[in-house]
Amino acid sequence: MKTNFINSIFVSITILLIAGCASMTQAPSTPPSATVRIREWSAAYYAQAETGKGTLYFRGQSHRFTISGGGIGGSGAQKVSATGKVYNLNRLSDFSGTYHGVSRGLTLIQGQMHAKLTNGNGVVMYLAGQTEGLASSLGAQAFEVNLTD
């Protein structure tokens, strides 16, 4: 019973914070350096584990990459299909690395997610996408992104 109460409080707080954090994950109106398409799977119970793959579209060429990582905040399991804009990418080699940031989303069968992620090279990804599953997320994340081609 105590666990259900804690989970209810956690979900309620998450919903309120999602509404308040909308501006943190919106991309600037300036043209991006590149775009991305990502498919990711995650599972969480206060801590998250995530894995996925994606395609970077940079200077007229496509480059495949993998994603692995985790974070704090959230519960449930979901599949994410997202697209995004990439800023401050001057060289392809700057794309790989560890990205840190915040994400928010709520999935009740189908939902939406938004994330802003920045790596050590100053590359910033703004992601928006559709989710499937049953999950809530709001919190800090860290992803390892590696180009595979």
N, C-alpha and C. Protein backbone atom coordinates (compact mmCIF):
# COMPACT_ATOMS: atom_id res chain seq x y z
N MET A 1 0.82 -1.18 0.00
CA MET A 1 0.00 0.00 0.00
C MET A 1 0.87 1.25 0.00
N LYS A 2 1.95 1.24 0.76
CA LYS A 2 2.86 2.37 0.81
C LYS A 2 3.49 2.61 -0.56
N THR A 3 3.85 1.54 -1.26
CA THR A 3 4.43 1.64 -2.60
C THR A 3 3.45 2.28 -3.58
N ASN A 4 2.17 1.89 -3.54
CA ASN A 4 1.17 2.49 -4.43
C ASN A 4 1.00 3.98 -4.14
N PHE A 5 1.03 4.36 -2.88
CA PHE A 5 0.91 5.77 -2.51
C PHE A 5 2.10 6.55 -3.05
N ILE A 6 3.30 6.02 -2.88
CA ILE A 6 4.51 6.68 -3.38
C ILE A 6 4.46 6.79 -4.89
N ASN A 7 4.06 5.72 -5.57
CA ASN A 7 3.96 5.76 -7.03
C ASN A 7 2.93 6.79 -7.49
N SER A 8 1.81 6.90 -6.79
CA SER A 8 0.78 7.89 -7.14
C SER A 8 1.32 9.31 -7.00
N ILE A 9 2.03 9.55 -5.93
CA ILE A 9 2.63 10.87 -5.71
C ILE A 9 3.65 11.16 -6.81
N PHE A 10 4.48 10.17 -7.13
CA PHE A 10 5.51 10.34 -8.14
C PHE A 10 4.88 10.68 -9.50
N VAL A 11 3.85 9.97 -9.89
CA VAL A 11 3.17 10.23 -11.18
C VAL A 11 2.54 11.62 -11.16
N SER A 12 1.92 12.01 -10.09
CA SER A 12 1.28 13.33 -9.99
C SER A 12 2.32 14.45 -10.12
N ILE A 13 3.42 14.31 -9.42
CA ILE A 13 4.49 15.31 -9.51
C ILE A 13 5.06 15.36 -10.92
N THR A 14 5.24 14.21 -11.53
CA THR A 14 5.76 14.14 -12.89
C THR A 14 4.86 14.89 -13.86
N ILE A 15 3.56 14.69 -13.77
CA ILE A 15 2.61 15.37 -14.65
C ILE A 15 2.72 16.89 -14.47
N LEU A 16 2.80 17.36 -13.25
CA LEU A 16 2.92 18.80 -13.00
C LEU A 16 4.23 19.35 -13.54
N LEU A 17 5.31 18.63 -13.35
CA LEU A 17 6.61 19.09 -13.82
C LEU A 17 6.70 19.07 -15.34
N ILE A 18 6.07 18.10 -15.98
CA ILE A 18 6.06 18.04 -17.44
C ILE A 18 5.44 19.31 -18.00
N ALA A 19 4.35 19.72 -17.43
CA ALA A 19 3.67 20.94 -17.90
C ALA A 19 4.56 22.17 -17.70
N GLY A 20 5.32 22.20 -16.63
CA GLY A 20 6.16 23.35 -16.34
C GLY A 20 7.48 23.39 -17.05
N CYS A 21 7.89 22.32 -17.66
CA CYS A 21 9.21 22.24 -18.29
C CYS A 21 9.17 22.32 -19.81
N ALA A 22 8.09 22.72 -20.38
CA ALA A 22 7.95 22.72 -21.84
C ALA A 22 9.02 23.55 -22.52
N SER A 23 9.35 24.72 -22.00
CA SER A 23 10.31 25.59 -22.68
C SER A 23 11.73 25.05 -22.63
N MET A 24 12.04 24.17 -21.71
CA MET A 24 13.39 23.63 -21.59
C MET A 24 13.75 22.73 -22.77
N THR A 25 12.78 22.18 -23.47
CA THR A 25 13.06 21.21 -24.52
C THR A 25 12.61 21.69 -25.89
N GLN A 26 12.44 22.99 -26.09
CA GLN A 26 12.05 23.52 -27.39
C GLN A 26 13.28 24.00 -28.14
N ALA A 27 13.39 23.61 -29.42
CA ALA A 27 14.52 23.99 -30.25
C ALA A 27 14.44 25.46 -30.63
N PRO A 28 15.61 26.10 -30.84
CA PRO A 28 15.61 27.47 -31.31
C PRO A 28 15.02 27.56 -32.72
N SER A 29 14.66 28.75 -33.15
CA SER A 29 14.08 28.92 -34.48
C SER A 29 15.14 29.05 -35.57
N THR A 30 16.41 29.05 -35.22
CA THR A 30 17.49 29.14 -36.21
C THR A 30 17.66 27.81 -36.93
N PRO A 31 18.22 27.82 -38.15
CA PRO A 31 18.42 26.57 -38.89
C PRO A 31 19.39 25.63 -38.16
N PRO A 32 19.07 24.34 -38.11
CA PRO A 32 19.97 23.38 -37.44
C PRO A 32 21.16 23.02 -38.33
N SER A 33 22.19 22.46 -37.70
CA SER A 33 23.36 21.94 -38.42
C SER A 33 23.05 20.61 -39.08
N ALA A 34 22.14 19.84 -38.47
CA ALA A 34 21.81 18.49 -38.94
C ALA A 34 20.47 18.10 -38.33
N THR A 35 19.97 16.94 -38.76
CA THR A 35 18.76 16.39 -38.16
C THR A 35 19.01 14.93 -37.80
N VAL A 36 18.18 14.38 -36.93
CA VAL A 36 18.30 12.99 -36.51
C VAL A 36 16.93 12.32 -36.51
N ARG A 37 16.97 11.00 -36.64
CA ARG A 37 15.78 10.14 -36.47
C ARG A 37 16.24 9.02 -35.54
N ILE A 38 15.46 8.77 -34.49
CA ILE A 38 15.86 7.83 -33.44
C ILE A 38 14.73 6.85 -33.13
N ARG A 39 15.10 5.59 -32.88
CA ARG A 39 14.20 4.57 -32.32
C ARG A 39 14.88 4.07 -31.05
N GLU A 40 14.13 4.11 -29.96
CA GLU A 40 14.73 3.81 -28.66
C GLU A 40 13.73 3.03 -27.82
N TRP A 41 14.24 2.20 -26.93
CA TRP A 41 13.43 1.45 -25.99
C TRP A 41 13.94 1.77 -24.60
N SER A 42 13.02 1.97 -23.65
CA SER A 42 13.45 2.28 -22.28
C SER A 42 12.55 1.58 -21.27
N ALA A 43 13.14 1.32 -20.13
CA ALA A 43 12.42 0.77 -18.99
C ALA A 43 12.89 1.55 -17.76
N ALA A 44 11.96 1.83 -16.85
CA ALA A 44 12.33 2.63 -15.69
C ALA A 44 11.48 2.28 -14.47
N TYR A 45 12.10 2.38 -13.36
CA TYR A 45 11.41 2.39 -12.07
C TYR A 45 12.27 3.27 -11.17
N TYR A 46 12.07 4.58 -11.27
CA TYR A 46 12.85 5.64 -10.64
C TYR A 46 14.21 5.82 -11.29
N ALA A 47 14.81 4.78 -11.86
CA ALA A 47 16.02 4.89 -12.66
C ALA A 47 15.68 4.32 -14.03
N GLN A 48 16.33 4.85 -15.07
CA GLN A 48 16.01 4.44 -16.44
C GLN A 48 17.18 3.73 -17.08
N ALA A 49 16.87 2.77 -17.94
CA ALA A 49 17.86 2.14 -18.82
C ALA A 49 17.30 2.25 -20.23
N GLU A 50 18.15 2.68 -21.16
CA GLU A 50 17.68 2.93 -22.52
C GLU A 50 18.69 2.43 -23.53
N THR A 51 18.16 1.99 -24.68
CA THR A 51 19.01 1.56 -25.78
C THR A 51 18.28 1.88 -27.08
N GLY A 52 19.04 2.11 -28.13
CA GLY A 52 18.40 2.41 -29.39
C GLY A 52 19.39 2.64 -30.50
N LYS A 53 18.85 3.09 -31.62
CA LYS A 53 19.68 3.38 -32.78
C LYS A 53 19.07 4.55 -33.53
N GLY A 54 19.86 5.16 -34.38
CA GLY A 54 19.35 6.30 -35.10
C GLY A 54 20.15 6.60 -36.35
N THR A 55 19.69 7.62 -37.05
CA THR A 55 20.36 8.09 -38.25
C THR A 55 20.54 9.60 -38.14
N LEU A 56 21.77 10.04 -38.39
CA LEU A 56 22.11 11.45 -38.43
C LEU A 56 22.16 11.88 -39.89
N TYR A 57 21.50 12.97 -40.22
CA TYR A 57 21.53 13.54 -41.57
C TYR A 57 22.34 14.82 -41.50
N PHE A 58 23.58 14.76 -42.02
CA PHE A 58 24.53 15.86 -41.88
C PHE A 58 25.20 16.13 -43.23
N ARG A 59 25.07 17.34 -43.72
CA ARG A 59 25.69 17.78 -44.97
C ARG A 59 25.38 16.85 -46.14
N GLY A 60 24.10 16.49 -46.27
CA GLY A 60 23.66 15.70 -47.39
C GLY A 60 23.94 14.21 -47.31
N GLN A 61 24.48 13.73 -46.21
CA GLN A 61 24.78 12.31 -46.05
C GLN A 61 24.12 11.79 -44.77
N SER A 62 23.81 10.48 -44.80
CA SER A 62 23.23 9.86 -43.60
C SER A 62 24.30 9.01 -42.92
N HIS A 63 24.28 9.03 -41.61
CA HIS A 63 25.24 8.30 -40.78
C HIS A 63 24.47 7.60 -39.67
N ARG A 64 24.68 6.31 -39.51
CA ARG A 64 23.99 5.54 -38.47
C ARG A 64 24.75 5.65 -37.15
N PHE A 65 23.98 5.58 -36.04
CA PHE A 65 24.59 5.62 -34.72
C PHE A 65 23.78 4.77 -33.74
N THR A 66 24.42 4.44 -32.63
CA THR A 66 23.76 3.70 -31.55
C THR A 66 23.66 4.60 -30.33
N ILE A 67 22.69 4.26 -29.47
CA ILE A 67 22.44 5.01 -28.24
C ILE A 67 22.36 4.00 -27.09
N SER A 68 23.01 4.31 -25.99
CA SER A 68 22.82 3.52 -24.77
C SER A 68 22.98 4.48 -23.61
N GLY A 69 22.26 4.21 -22.55
CA GLY A 69 22.39 5.09 -21.41
C GLY A 69 21.30 4.90 -20.41
N GLY A 70 21.12 5.90 -19.59
CA GLY A 70 20.12 5.83 -18.55
C GLY A 70 19.91 7.17 -17.91
N GLY A 71 19.15 7.16 -16.84
CA GLY A 71 18.86 8.40 -16.16
C GLY A 71 18.12 8.16 -14.86
N ILE A 72 17.66 9.24 -14.28
CA ILE A 72 16.88 9.16 -13.06
C ILE A 72 15.52 9.80 -13.30
N GLY A 73 14.55 9.34 -12.62
CA GLY A 73 13.20 9.88 -12.75
C GLY A 73 12.40 9.13 -13.79
N GLY A 74 11.31 8.55 -13.39
CA GLY A 74 10.44 7.87 -14.34
C GLY A 74 10.06 6.49 -13.85
N SER A 75 9.05 5.94 -14.53
CA SER A 75 8.64 4.58 -14.26
C SER A 75 7.90 4.06 -15.47
N GLY A 76 7.97 2.74 -15.69
CA GLY A 76 7.27 2.12 -16.80
C GLY A 76 8.21 1.67 -17.90
N ALA A 77 7.63 1.33 -19.05
CA ALA A 77 8.40 0.90 -20.22
C ALA A 77 7.77 1.53 -21.45
N GLN A 78 8.64 1.89 -22.41
CA GLN A 78 8.11 2.52 -23.62
C GLN A 78 9.05 2.35 -24.79
N LYS A 79 8.47 2.49 -25.98
CA LYS A 79 9.22 2.55 -27.23
C LYS A 79 9.08 3.97 -27.73
N VAL A 80 10.20 4.57 -28.15
CA VAL A 80 10.20 5.96 -28.60
C VAL A 80 10.63 6.01 -30.06
N SER A 81 9.88 6.75 -30.85
CA SER A 81 10.26 7.08 -32.23
C SER A 81 10.32 8.60 -32.28
N ALA A 82 11.53 9.15 -32.46
CA ALA A 82 11.70 10.59 -32.38
C ALA A 82 12.49 11.13 -33.56
N THR A 83 12.25 12.39 -33.84
CA THR A 83 13.06 13.14 -34.79
C THR A 83 13.57 14.36 -34.05
N GLY A 84 14.62 14.94 -34.58
CA GLY A 84 15.14 16.10 -33.89
C GLY A 84 16.06 16.95 -34.73
N LYS A 85 16.39 18.08 -34.15
CA LYS A 85 17.30 19.04 -34.76
C LYS A 85 18.60 19.04 -33.97
N VAL A 86 19.71 19.16 -34.69
CA VAL A 86 21.03 19.15 -34.07
C VAL A 86 21.67 20.51 -34.33
N TYR A 87 22.22 21.10 -33.28
CA TYR A 87 22.85 22.42 -33.38
C TYR A 87 24.31 22.32 -32.96
N ASN A 88 25.13 23.24 -33.46
CA ASN A 88 26.55 23.36 -33.11
C ASN A 88 27.38 22.17 -33.58
N LEU A 89 26.93 21.48 -34.62
CA LEU A 89 27.70 20.36 -35.17
C LEU A 89 28.50 20.88 -36.37
N ASN A 90 29.80 21.05 -36.17
CA ASN A 90 30.67 21.57 -37.22
C ASN A 90 31.44 20.47 -37.92
N ARG A 91 31.77 19.40 -37.19
CA ARG A 91 32.48 18.25 -37.75
C ARG A 91 31.74 16.99 -37.35
N LEU A 92 31.70 16.01 -38.23
CA LEU A 92 31.02 14.74 -37.95
C LEU A 92 31.56 14.10 -36.67
N SER A 93 32.85 14.20 -36.44
CA SER A 93 33.47 13.58 -35.26
C SER A 93 32.97 14.19 -33.95
N ASP A 94 32.40 15.39 -33.98
CA ASP A 94 31.88 16.01 -32.76
C ASP A 94 30.55 15.41 -32.31
N PHE A 95 29.91 14.62 -33.18
CA PHE A 95 28.59 14.08 -32.85
C PHE A 95 28.66 12.99 -31.78
N SER A 96 29.63 12.07 -31.88
CA SER A 96 29.75 10.99 -30.90
C SER A 96 30.14 11.55 -29.54
N GLY A 97 29.71 10.87 -28.49
CA GLY A 97 30.07 11.28 -27.15
C GLY A 97 28.96 11.04 -26.16
N THR A 98 29.17 11.52 -24.96
CA THR A 98 28.17 11.40 -23.90
C THR A 98 27.31 12.65 -23.88
N TYR A 99 26.00 12.45 -24.03
CA TYR A 99 25.04 13.54 -24.00
C TYR A 99 24.35 13.55 -22.63
N HIS A 100 24.18 14.74 -22.08
CA HIS A 100 23.46 14.93 -20.83
C HIS A 100 22.29 15.87 -21.10
N GLY A 101 21.25 15.71 -20.34
CA GLY A 101 20.14 16.62 -20.51
C GLY A 101 18.92 16.23 -19.74
N VAL A 102 17.81 16.85 -20.13
CA VAL A 102 16.53 16.59 -19.48
C VAL A 102 15.53 16.12 -20.52
N SER A 103 14.62 15.30 -20.08
CA SER A 103 13.53 14.86 -20.96
C SER A 103 12.24 14.89 -20.16
N ARG A 104 11.15 14.92 -20.90
CA ARG A 104 9.84 14.88 -20.26
C ARG A 104 8.90 14.13 -21.16
N GLY A 105 7.98 13.42 -20.57
CA GLY A 105 6.99 12.71 -21.36
C GLY A 105 6.07 11.90 -20.48
N LEU A 106 4.91 11.58 -21.04
CA LEU A 106 3.94 10.74 -20.36
C LEU A 106 3.34 9.83 -21.42
N THR A 107 3.39 8.53 -21.18
CA THR A 107 2.86 7.56 -22.13
C THR A 107 1.81 6.71 -21.44
N LEU A 108 0.61 6.79 -21.93
CA LEU A 108 -0.48 5.91 -21.50
C LEU A 108 -0.98 5.26 -22.77
N ILE A 109 -0.39 4.19 -23.17
CA ILE A 109 -0.54 3.47 -24.43
C ILE A 109 0.20 4.24 -25.53
N GLN A 110 -0.19 5.48 -25.81
CA GLN A 110 0.54 6.32 -26.75
C GLN A 110 0.73 7.68 -26.12
N GLY A 111 1.85 8.32 -26.42
CA GLY A 111 2.11 9.63 -25.85
C GLY A 111 3.15 10.38 -26.63
N GLN A 112 3.73 11.39 -26.00
CA GLN A 112 4.75 12.20 -26.62
C GLN A 112 5.91 12.39 -25.67
N MET A 113 7.08 12.64 -26.25
CA MET A 113 8.26 12.94 -25.45
C MET A 113 9.00 14.11 -26.07
N HIS A 114 9.74 14.83 -25.23
CA HIS A 114 10.58 15.94 -25.66
C HIS A 114 11.86 15.86 -24.84
N ALA A 115 12.99 16.16 -25.49
CA ALA A 115 14.26 16.10 -24.78
C ALA A 115 15.23 17.12 -25.37
N LYS A 116 16.08 17.64 -24.52
CA LYS A 116 17.21 18.48 -24.92
C LYS A 116 18.45 17.81 -24.36
N LEU A 117 19.40 17.46 -25.26
CA LEU A 117 20.61 16.76 -24.86
C LEU A 117 21.83 17.49 -25.40
N THR A 118 22.88 17.62 -24.59
CA THR A 118 24.10 18.32 -24.98
C THR A 118 25.30 17.43 -24.69
N ASN A 119 26.26 17.38 -25.63
CA ASN A 119 27.47 16.60 -25.37
C ASN A 119 28.65 17.51 -25.03
N GLY A 120 29.78 16.91 -24.71
CA GLY A 120 30.97 17.65 -24.30
C GLY A 120 31.58 18.50 -25.39
N ASN A 121 31.21 18.27 -26.65
CA ASN A 121 31.70 19.07 -27.76
C ASN A 121 30.80 20.27 -28.05
N GLY A 122 29.75 20.45 -27.24
CA GLY A 122 28.83 21.55 -27.43
C GLY A 122 27.71 21.28 -28.41
N VAL A 123 27.62 20.04 -28.90
CA VAL A 123 26.54 19.66 -29.82
C VAL A 123 25.26 19.51 -29.01
N VAL A 124 24.17 20.09 -29.51
CA VAL A 124 22.89 20.06 -28.80
C VAL A 124 21.85 19.41 -29.70
N MET A 125 21.13 18.41 -29.15
CA MET A 125 20.02 17.76 -29.86
C MET A 125 18.72 18.11 -29.15
N TYR A 126 17.74 18.54 -29.94
CA TYR A 126 16.38 18.75 -29.46
C TYR A 126 15.53 17.68 -30.11
N LEU A 127 14.94 16.80 -29.32
CA LEU A 127 14.17 15.68 -29.84
C LEU A 127 12.70 15.82 -29.48
N ALA A 128 11.85 15.37 -30.38
CA ALA A 128 10.42 15.29 -30.13
C ALA A 128 9.93 14.03 -30.80
N GLY A 129 9.05 13.30 -30.14
CA GLY A 129 8.60 12.07 -30.76
C GLY A 129 7.38 11.46 -30.11
N GLN A 130 7.02 10.33 -30.68
CA GLN A 130 5.87 9.56 -30.23
C GLN A 130 6.37 8.40 -29.37
N THR A 131 5.59 8.06 -28.36
CA THR A 131 5.92 6.94 -27.49
C THR A 131 4.77 5.95 -27.45
N GLU A 132 5.12 4.69 -27.18
CA GLU A 132 4.13 3.64 -27.00
C GLU A 132 4.51 2.87 -25.75
N GLY A 133 3.54 2.55 -24.94
CA GLY A 133 3.78 1.79 -23.72
C GLY A 133 3.03 2.41 -22.56
N LEU A 134 3.58 2.28 -21.38
CA LEU A 134 3.01 2.85 -20.17
C LEU A 134 4.17 3.36 -19.35
N ALA A 135 4.38 4.68 -19.35
CA ALA A 135 5.54 5.24 -18.66
C ALA A 135 5.35 6.73 -18.41
N SER A 136 6.08 7.22 -17.43
CA SER A 136 6.20 8.65 -17.20
C SER A 136 7.68 8.94 -17.05
N SER A 137 8.10 10.09 -17.55
CA SER A 137 9.51 10.44 -17.41
C SER A 137 9.66 11.93 -17.26
N LEU A 138 10.55 12.30 -16.40
CA LEU A 138 10.99 13.67 -16.24
C LEU A 138 12.24 13.57 -15.40
N GLY A 139 13.33 13.97 -15.97
CA GLY A 139 14.53 13.90 -15.18
C GLY A 139 15.78 14.00 -16.01
N ALA A 140 16.89 13.83 -15.32
CA ALA A 140 18.20 13.92 -15.95
C ALA A 140 18.53 12.62 -16.65
N GLN A 141 19.22 12.75 -17.77
CA GLN A 141 19.59 11.57 -18.54
C GLN A 141 21.03 11.72 -19.02
N ALA A 142 21.66 10.59 -19.28
CA ALA A 142 22.99 10.54 -19.89
C ALA A 142 22.98 9.44 -20.93
N PHE A 143 23.40 9.76 -22.14
CA PHE A 143 23.41 8.81 -23.24
C PHE A 143 24.80 8.75 -23.84
N GLU A 144 25.21 7.58 -24.21
CA GLU A 144 26.43 7.41 -25.00
C GLU A 144 26.00 7.23 -26.44
N VAL A 145 26.43 8.11 -27.32
CA VAL A 145 26.09 8.07 -28.74
C VAL A 145 27.36 7.76 -29.52
N ASN A 146 27.30 6.73 -30.37
CA ASN A 146 28.46 6.33 -31.16
C ASN A 146 28.07 6.13 -32.61
N LEU A 147 28.78 6.79 -33.51
CA LEU A 147 28.58 6.57 -34.94
C LEU A 147 29.04 5.14 -35.27
N THR A 148 28.30 4.47 -36.14
CA THR A 148 28.65 3.08 -36.47
C THR A 148 29.16 2.92 -37.89
N ASP A 149 29.15 3.97 -38.68
CA ASP A 149 29.71 3.85 -40.05
C ASP A 149 30.80 4.83 -40.30
